[in-house]
Protein backbone atom coordinates (compact mmCIF):
# COMPACT_ATOMS: atom_id res chain seq x y z
CA MET A 1 91.53 91.78 71.96
CA SER A 2 90.49 90.82 75.41
CA GLY A 3 92.27 91.66 78.80
CA LYS A 4 93.06 88.05 79.38
CA SER A 5 96.50 86.49 79.14
CA PRO A 6 95.64 83.68 76.68
CA GLY A 7 99.29 82.28 76.85
CA LEU A 8 99.16 81.84 80.53
CA GLU A 9 95.69 80.72 80.67
CA ALA A 10 96.17 78.19 77.93
CA ARG A 11 99.31 76.76 79.72
CA LEU A 12 97.32 76.41 83.00
CA ALA A 13 94.53 74.72 81.15
CA ALA A 14 96.91 72.34 79.61
CA GLU A 15 98.48 71.46 82.86
CA ILE A 16 95.03 70.76 84.49
CA GLN A 17 94.21 68.60 81.53
CA THR A 18 97.44 66.74 81.70
CA SER A 19 97.82 66.28 85.46
CA GLY A 20 94.32 66.97 87.04
CA PRO A 21 93.23 69.74 89.10
CA ILE A 22 95.90 71.70 90.88
CA PRO A 23 96.00 73.36 94.50
CA PHE A 24 95.40 76.98 94.35
CA ASP A 25 98.89 77.75 95.53
CA ARG A 26 100.11 76.49 92.20
CA PHE A 27 97.70 78.53 90.31
CA MET A 28 98.57 81.71 92.22
CA GLU A 29 102.27 80.88 91.77
CA ARG A 30 101.85 80.76 87.99
CA ALA A 31 99.61 83.92 87.88
CA LEU A 32 102.03 86.08 89.67
CA TYR A 33 105.45 84.45 88.84
CA ASP A 34 105.15 82.70 85.56
CA PRO A 35 108.55 84.00 83.73
CA GLU A 36 106.63 84.90 80.62
CA ASP A 37 103.31 86.15 81.65
CA GLY A 38 103.15 86.35 85.46
CA TYR A 39 101.91 89.57 87.10
CA TYR A 40 105.21 90.29 88.86
CA SER A 41 107.71 88.52 87.11
CA SER A 42 106.80 90.06 83.64
CA GLY A 43 107.24 93.55 85.05
CA LYS A 44 103.55 94.66 84.34
CA SER A 45 102.75 95.13 87.90
CA ALA A 46 101.87 98.80 88.51
CA ILE A 47 101.83 100.83 91.56
CA GLY A 48 100.70 104.23 92.59
CA LYS A 49 98.06 106.59 91.37
CA GLN A 50 98.25 105.41 87.64
CA GLY A 51 98.80 101.58 88.69
CA ASP A 52 96.72 98.90 90.37
CA PHE A 53 97.34 99.55 94.02
CA PHE A 54 99.18 101.86 96.55
CA THR A 55 101.93 100.85 98.89
CA ASN A 56 103.96 102.66 101.45
CA VAL A 57 106.58 103.42 99.03
CA SER A 58 103.96 105.34 96.92
CA ILE A 59 103.60 107.94 99.47
CA GLY A 60 107.01 109.29 99.03
CA PRO A 61 110.69 108.83 100.17
CA ILE A 62 109.85 109.32 104.13
CA TYR A 63 109.08 105.70 104.32
CA GLY A 64 112.67 104.60 103.20
CA GLU A 65 114.21 107.37 105.23
CA VAL A 66 112.57 106.16 108.39
CA LEU A 67 113.66 102.48 107.78
CA VAL A 68 117.16 103.75 107.27
CA GLY A 69 117.15 104.98 110.96
CA GLN A 70 116.35 101.34 111.98
CA PHE A 71 119.19 100.03 109.87
CA VAL A 72 121.51 102.36 111.67
CA GLU A 73 120.15 101.32 114.90
CA MET A 74 120.43 97.66 113.92
CA TRP A 75 124.04 98.07 112.96
CA GLN A 76 124.90 99.76 116.19
CA MET A 77 123.39 96.84 118.28
CA LEU A 78 125.60 94.62 116.35
CA GLY A 79 128.60 96.39 117.35
CA ARG A 80 129.12 98.48 114.30
CA PRO A 81 130.46 95.90 112.06
CA ALA A 82 132.50 97.00 108.97
CA GLY A 83 130.68 94.51 106.72
CA PHE A 84 127.06 95.26 107.35
CA THR A 85 124.97 94.39 104.08
CA LEU A 86 121.30 95.30 103.23
CA ILE A 87 119.02 92.53 101.50
CA GLU A 88 116.00 93.40 99.82
CA GLN A 89 113.35 91.22 98.36
CA GLY A 90 110.22 92.06 96.63
CA ALA A 91 111.83 95.25 95.33
CA GLY A 92 109.38 95.81 92.52
CA ASP A 93 110.60 98.79 90.28
CA GLY A 94 113.48 99.57 92.74
CA GLN A 95 111.75 102.62 94.31
CA LEU A 96 112.19 101.64 97.95
CA ALA A 97 115.70 100.68 97.25
CA GLN A 98 116.47 103.89 95.69
CA ASP A 99 114.92 105.95 98.72
CA ILE A 100 116.79 103.91 101.24
CA LEU A 101 120.15 104.24 99.47
CA ASN A 102 119.89 108.07 98.85
CA ALA A 103 118.89 108.44 102.69
CA LEU A 104 121.81 106.14 103.56
CA ALA A 105 124.27 108.43 102.17
CA ALA A 106 123.74 110.93 105.14
CA THR A 107 124.48 108.27 107.85
CA ALA A 108 127.44 106.24 109.14
CA LEU A 109 126.18 103.62 106.91
CA ALA A 110 127.01 105.54 103.62
CA GLY A 111 128.15 103.10 101.05
CA ALA A 112 126.74 99.97 102.65
CA PRO A 113 126.27 97.34 100.15
CA LEU A 114 122.82 96.25 98.86
CA ILE A 115 121.89 92.93 97.65
CA VAL A 116 118.53 92.56 95.69
CA ILE A 117 116.84 89.15 95.61
CA GLU A 118 115.18 89.01 92.20
CA PRO A 119 114.52 86.22 89.96
CA SER A 120 112.69 88.29 87.21
CA ASP A 121 115.00 89.39 84.32
CA ALA A 122 112.34 92.14 83.45
CA LEU A 123 112.42 93.48 86.94
CA ARG A 124 116.14 93.38 87.36
CA LYS A 125 116.66 95.43 84.22
CA ILE A 126 114.05 98.07 85.67
CA GLN A 127 115.65 97.91 89.11
CA SER A 128 119.24 98.22 87.64
CA GLU A 129 118.43 101.24 85.65
CA LYS A 130 116.95 103.08 88.68
CA LEU A 131 119.78 102.16 91.10
CA SER A 132 122.90 102.87 88.77
CA GLY A 133 125.48 104.78 90.69
CA HIS A 134 124.77 102.67 94.04
CA ASP A 135 126.70 99.64 95.35
CA VAL A 136 124.06 97.08 94.27
CA SER A 137 124.34 93.60 93.26
CA TRP A 138 121.53 90.92 92.40
CA VAL A 139 121.06 87.34 93.09
CA ALA A 140 118.18 85.20 91.64
CA ASN A 141 117.26 83.50 94.87
CA ALA A 142 118.28 83.55 98.44
CA ASP A 143 120.34 80.24 97.98
CA ALA A 144 122.72 82.48 96.08
CA LEU A 145 123.62 84.80 98.86
CA PRO A 146 126.90 84.55 100.63
CA GLU A 147 127.17 84.18 104.39
CA LEU A 148 127.06 87.95 105.68
CA CYS A 149 126.12 90.15 108.71
CA GLY A 150 123.32 92.45 108.04
CA VAL A 151 119.38 92.78 107.53
CA HIS A 152 116.90 91.14 105.30
CA TYR A 153 114.07 93.62 104.74
CA SER A 154 110.81 93.69 102.80
CA ASN A 155 107.77 95.65 102.15
CA GLU A 156 104.69 93.61 101.02
CA LEU A 157 106.70 90.52 100.12
CA PHE A 158 104.84 88.01 102.28
CA ASP A 159 101.35 89.02 101.14
CA ALA A 160 102.42 87.96 97.53
CA PHE A 161 103.46 84.39 98.54
CA PRO A 162 101.07 81.92 97.00
CA VAL A 163 98.60 80.42 99.46
CA HIS A 164 96.44 77.23 99.94
CA ILE A 165 92.75 77.73 100.40
CA ILE A 166 90.82 75.87 102.86
CA ARG A 167 87.14 75.60 103.42
CA SER A 168 85.00 74.31 106.43
CA THR A 169 83.01 71.25 105.70
CA GLY A 170 81.08 71.85 108.87
CA GLY A 171 82.94 68.69 110.45
CA GLY A 172 86.35 69.37 109.16
CA TRP A 173 88.39 71.31 106.52
CA ALA A 174 88.82 70.75 102.51
CA GLU A 175 91.29 72.37 100.31
CA LEU A 176 90.15 74.16 97.17
CA TYR A 177 91.82 73.00 94.03
CA VAL A 178 91.47 74.56 90.50
CA ASP A 179 89.78 72.68 87.77
CA ARG A 180 89.02 73.42 84.14
CA LYS A 181 85.42 73.08 82.93
CA GLU A 182 83.75 74.42 79.75
CA GLU A 183 86.55 76.75 78.96
CA SER A 184 86.54 78.28 82.57
CA PHE A 185 88.51 77.55 85.74
CA THR A 186 86.42 76.34 88.51
CA TRP A 187 86.86 75.38 92.18
CA LEU A 188 86.89 71.61 93.38
CA GLU A 189 87.02 70.58 96.94
CA MET A 190 89.79 67.87 97.72
CA PRO A 191 90.87 66.41 101.07
CA VAL A 192 93.67 68.40 102.89
CA ALA A 193 97.02 66.36 102.99
CA GLY A 194 100.59 66.70 103.72
CA GLU A 195 101.92 69.77 105.76
CA LEU A 196 98.80 71.67 105.31
CA ALA A 197 96.74 68.91 107.20
CA GLY A 198 98.94 69.28 110.31
CA ILE A 199 98.16 73.14 110.56
CA VAL A 200 94.55 72.89 109.85
CA ALA A 201 94.27 70.10 112.33
CA GLU A 202 94.69 72.80 115.11
CA PHE A 203 92.30 75.25 113.63
CA PRO A 204 88.88 75.81 115.50
CA ALA A 205 85.69 74.48 114.07
CA ARG A 206 83.94 76.73 111.77
CA ALA A 207 80.69 76.89 110.02
CA LYS A 208 80.19 75.14 106.68
CA GLY A 209 81.40 77.21 103.91
CA PHE A 210 83.98 79.28 106.02
CA THR A 211 86.99 80.04 103.83
CA SER A 212 90.71 81.00 104.81
CA GLU A 213 94.12 80.72 103.53
CA VAL A 214 97.33 79.35 104.56
CA CYS A 215 100.93 79.93 103.23
CA LEU A 216 103.63 77.36 103.40
CA ALA A 217 105.63 79.19 100.95
CA HIS A 218 107.40 81.40 103.32
CA ARG A 219 109.01 78.28 105.12
CA PRO A 220 111.87 77.68 102.79
CA LEU A 221 112.95 81.39 102.59
CA LEU A 222 113.06 81.73 106.31
CA GLN A 223 115.29 78.88 106.81
CA THR A 224 117.58 79.87 103.83
CA ILE A 225 118.02 83.61 105.26
CA ALA A 226 118.79 82.28 108.72
CA ALA A 227 121.34 80.08 107.21
CA LYS A 228 122.99 82.95 105.24
CA ILE A 229 122.78 85.75 107.89
CA THR A 230 125.26 84.83 110.63
CA ARG A 231 124.28 87.79 112.75
CA GLY A 232 121.54 90.25 112.05
CA PHE A 233 117.88 90.86 111.58
CA LEU A 234 114.81 90.00 109.24
CA LEU A 235 112.40 92.99 109.18
CA ALA A 236 108.99 92.77 107.44
CA VAL A 237 106.39 95.23 106.83
CA ASP A 238 103.17 93.81 105.35
CA TYR A 239 99.30 93.70 105.74
CA GLY A 240 97.98 90.85 107.88
CA MET A 241 96.80 89.67 111.34
CA SER A 242 97.16 87.05 113.86
CA ARG A 243 95.76 83.48 113.19
CA GLU A 244 92.98 84.22 115.71
CA SER A 245 91.88 87.34 113.76
CA LEU A 246 92.07 85.58 110.53
CA LEU A 247 89.83 82.76 111.82
CA ALA A 248 87.36 85.00 113.51
CA GLU A 249 83.88 83.74 112.81
CA HIS A 250 82.76 86.87 111.05
CA ARG A 251 85.62 86.44 108.48
CA THR A 252 83.82 83.97 106.33
CA GLY A 253 85.09 84.60 103.03
CA GLY A 254 88.72 84.77 103.97
CA THR A 255 91.21 87.64 102.64
CA LEU A 256 92.34 86.66 99.18
CA SER A 257 91.81 89.71 96.87
CA CYS A 258 92.35 90.63 93.28
CA TYR A 259 93.45 94.28 92.29
CA ARG A 260 93.57 95.91 88.91
CA GLY A 261 93.38 99.70 88.24
CA HIS A 262 92.74 100.53 92.13
CA ARG A 263 89.56 98.03 91.62
CA ARG A 264 88.97 95.05 93.68
CA ASP A 265 87.33 91.84 92.22
CA SER A 266 86.32 88.74 93.88
CA ASN A 267 87.40 86.24 91.02
CA PRO A 268 90.93 85.07 91.50
CA LEU A 269 90.63 82.56 88.74
CA GLU A 270 89.54 85.01 85.98
CA SER A 271 92.41 86.78 83.90
CA PRO A 272 95.49 84.81 85.48
CA GLY A 273 98.67 87.07 85.13
CA GLN A 274 96.73 90.29 84.54
CA LYS A 275 96.01 91.45 88.04
CA ASP A 276 97.42 91.15 91.51
CA LEU A 277 96.41 88.35 93.90
CA THR A 278 97.00 88.90 97.53
CA ALA A 279 96.18 87.47 100.76
CA HIS A 280 96.67 88.85 104.39
CA VAL A 281 99.76 87.33 106.16
CA ASN A 282 99.20 85.06 109.05
CA PHE A 283 101.74 86.69 111.42
CA SER A 284 101.21 83.87 113.88
CA LEU A 285 102.34 81.23 111.42
CA LEU A 286 105.06 83.35 110.03
CA ALA A 287 106.45 84.03 113.59
CA GLN A 288 106.25 80.26 114.55
CA ASP A 289 107.90 79.07 111.26
CA ALA A 290 110.55 81.65 111.71
CA VAL A 291 111.47 80.52 115.18
CA GLU A 292 111.51 76.90 114.05
CA ALA A 293 114.03 78.00 111.10
CA GLY A 294 116.47 79.49 113.80
CA TRP A 295 115.31 83.03 114.10
CA GLN A 296 114.60 84.73 117.42
CA PHE A 297 111.20 86.64 117.65
CA GLY A 298 111.90 90.28 118.34
CA ASN A 299 108.65 92.19 118.29
CA PHE A 300 105.48 92.77 116.44
CA THR A 301 103.16 96.04 115.98
CA ASP A 302 100.98 97.82 113.62
CA GLN A 303 102.59 100.38 111.16
CA HIS A 304 101.07 103.06 113.20
CA HIS A 305 103.03 102.43 116.39
CA PHE A 306 106.12 101.23 114.36
CA LEU A 307 106.61 104.63 112.39
CA VAL A 308 105.92 106.62 115.34
CA GLY A 309 108.63 104.96 117.12
CA ALA A 310 110.91 104.86 114.24
CA ALA A 311 110.36 108.49 113.38
CA THR A 312 110.36 109.77 116.82
CA SER A 313 113.73 111.76 116.31
CA LEU A 314 112.62 113.03 113.19
CA LEU A 315 109.26 114.42 114.64
CA LEU A 316 111.12 115.95 117.87
CA SER A 317 113.52 117.67 115.43
CA MET A 318 110.59 119.39 113.67
CA ASP A 319 108.76 120.29 117.02
CA GLY A 320 108.08 124.03 117.66
CA LYS A 321 109.37 124.86 114.10
CA THR A 322 107.29 126.12 111.27
CA PRO A 323 108.15 123.73 108.49
CA ASP A 324 109.16 124.88 105.10
CA ALA A 325 107.55 123.19 101.97
CA ALA A 326 109.69 120.06 101.97
CA GLY A 327 108.76 119.68 105.68
CA ARG A 328 105.07 120.10 105.26
CA LYS A 329 105.16 117.28 102.56
CA THR A 330 107.12 115.10 104.76
CA LEU A 331 104.52 115.63 107.42
CA ARG A 332 101.66 114.92 104.85
CA SER A 333 103.41 111.71 104.01
CA LEU A 334 103.82 110.68 107.44
CA LYS A 335 100.21 111.37 108.24
CA MET A 336 99.05 109.06 105.38
CA LEU A 337 101.25 106.30 106.50
CA LEU A 338 100.34 106.55 110.24
CA HIS A 339 96.33 107.16 109.72
CA PRO A 340 94.67 104.29 111.76
CA GLU A 341 91.72 103.93 109.39
CA SER A 342 94.08 103.18 106.39
CA MET A 343 97.70 101.95 106.21
CA GLY A 344 98.52 102.76 109.85
CA ARG A 345 96.48 99.68 111.32
CA GLN A 346 96.26 97.53 108.21
CA PHE A 347 99.98 97.13 108.00
CA HIS A 348 102.10 95.78 110.73
CA ALA A 349 105.95 95.38 111.12
CA ILE A 350 107.47 92.08 112.50
CA LEU A 351 111.15 91.65 113.46
CA PHE A 352 113.28 88.62 113.93
CA SER A 353 117.00 88.56 114.93
CA LYS A 354 119.96 86.25 115.09
CA GLY A 355 123.10 86.50 117.20
CA VAL A 356 121.73 89.67 118.59
CA SER A 357 118.64 90.99 120.41
CA GLY A 358 116.48 93.39 118.49
CA ALA A 359 114.10 94.12 121.48
CA GLY A 360 115.48 97.65 121.85
CA LEU A 361 114.87 98.86 118.15
CA SER A 362 112.85 102.13 118.37
CA GLY A 363 110.47 101.20 116.02
CA PHE A 364 108.90 98.74 118.64
CA GLN A 365 109.23 101.12 121.60
CA TYR A 366 105.41 101.62 121.51
CA ALA A 367 104.62 97.98 120.40
CA GLY A 368 102.53 97.14 123.47
CA LYS A 369 101.19 93.49 123.73
CA ILE A 370 99.79 92.06 120.50
CA GLN A 371 99.20 88.28 120.87
CA LEU A 372 100.54 86.08 118.07
């Protein structure tokens, strides 16, 4: 038996045969979120040492504990409202939510409700089993949220949004579509159109063959969350960079990557649904679209500086003490999250607010000036 998902591959092939070549964002959406065979939606995505990739959550509960400190600060900035609600999207197997809810129990926000945005029945079942005993509810999409005061947070959500792939023609830009030839998916250059055309019109000229990605899929979410959160925050931690860095002349092949079993490959058209597809977040575009959706830009920094700032009180409490076994484990976990040659500089935190300024959040006290 091959490692491919014949059901999904056959359905994609049939769609192309019926409707013609499809833009890559459509292919990526089906590969990741097809209800039956999507890599994420079917529940087959695997995280950690025995899985396909590591995340901040894989390192241990300290990441969730540090985020809880930020949520308490947000609640205080809002005037300590009684109805403060947490919203998580991209919750995966529910581990981060569990770490956060466990840590929340020791704070003034103990018992605060969590709403998980999760369209996948398979993942919702996994999450509900892990989070039993906590005040958690689920909605299939952001449109189903009530109006509330609180924070929408995510860890590696936006890097999994489908992207358009663009390629320089030497005198402009073309979009890469997916076609089907001789039992294989292949690339096909097509003219850039619609919203995408307006974005790439502002891109600098690049040598022929230069390839990059553009995500438009986050726009509806930013607008919907802005409409649902009457006062509060949106905090996203993800890997990516500014538009200027993404379009740097040396980055000729773009950032789209595939992961399976901790191995990276360069063929996103092979084995749809069987591996992770991801592209670096364009934080410049994300910030621009968030502001247009009604958010106030708060701050932006790399994970190293974000976690150092957010964990300041924790680090000070351990200063001068000989840590016990639990303390040593916490320090090891923090070191991995902070390491500048690994997660510390690859990941970034970006903050938006509505009805309140988030400028004083401790996680951004060492942010410096990173141009978006």
